[in-house]
């Protein structure tokens, strides 16, 4: 069965309260249990909690002392929280808050609700926390723990859709970084690696369908870090599972264009939102777009209309885009005075700094993974 058809089945079952979708036969159970235990032992090397990153970034852009900053809320698992780095300014939330501030030329307040070990079951609690901050835009990165902790894919997708709808109803734009490709993790051996890849890509595709149906947009994390891992082990933290500071910068660069586009801040205006066939972009049935995005990191999928209609014979229309990456502003070498207010540490010092060549750039185009 094709990935698109499986994703459609999972998303449909989630929408109508169906049960779980089986992925493997009983005959694999013994082998998988052994491999899973070995992988867990190998990966369980990091301790502690992610560094604090909440605060206001880009204060230098405030022209009025009383000006209200944009609010970015980050929800999800340990990767969303930035586990694996030692400094708040290296977390994805801090990198993205600084990037949005430099493009909007406006301060951004970051509120992180993400938590270590979280699955989609924790999203309801996290949404409660995020809504207290009154977010203008919310980023959700979730899915890896749903696969490893064997959460039913239909339940996972249903809970994600519910979180998106609650955030959207409160006025927030929502971007979802879908489940990464767990088959790219080096300590995970075959056959567990093959099944992890299959399960994570199926979940990512189903998540994308749910995201579009809920009126948000998704960005495929997929194998974004995988191709660079073999030649650049510094992209991962010591556990070879969570990203390092450079790995988080790569993921942040892939998500920054979509976050800014959701706020109508991305350069290019309406022309940038039209699909570019030269970059492999186009309007497709959502299941097909979701399947393609799951296999190519950095791909954005959002709802679209064809001749004024949001749906066609094969379901909802979706726009598949490979947005060009922009450089992230260089972070200051100084640590924040207090962890709850890292403004001067991670925000760009000035508009000129934001436009300079200093950056965390790892690639120039979202299609280059």
Foldseek 3Di string as FASTA:
>chain_A
DALLVLLVVLLVCLVVVHFFDDQDDPVCVVVLVVLLVQLCVLLPDDDDAAFFQFAKALPLLDPDPPDDFAEEEEEEERLSSQPQEDANLLHLQNLLQQQLCLLVSGMYTYHYLYYHLDALVCLVVSLVVRVVVLHQAYEYEHDLSCLSVVPRLSNRLNSLLVSLLVCVVSNHAYEYAAFEQQLLQPSRDPPNSVSSRVVRLSSQLNNQVSQQVSQHKYFYQYCQPRVVCVVCVQQPHPSSRHGYSLVSQSLSQLCNQRRCVSVVRHPDGPNQVDFDVVLVKDKDASSVLSNVRNHAGSKMKHFDADPNHQADPRGGIIIIDWFWGDFGQDFAPDGAPDSNHRHNGNHQNHSVSSPDPDGSDDDGTSRPD
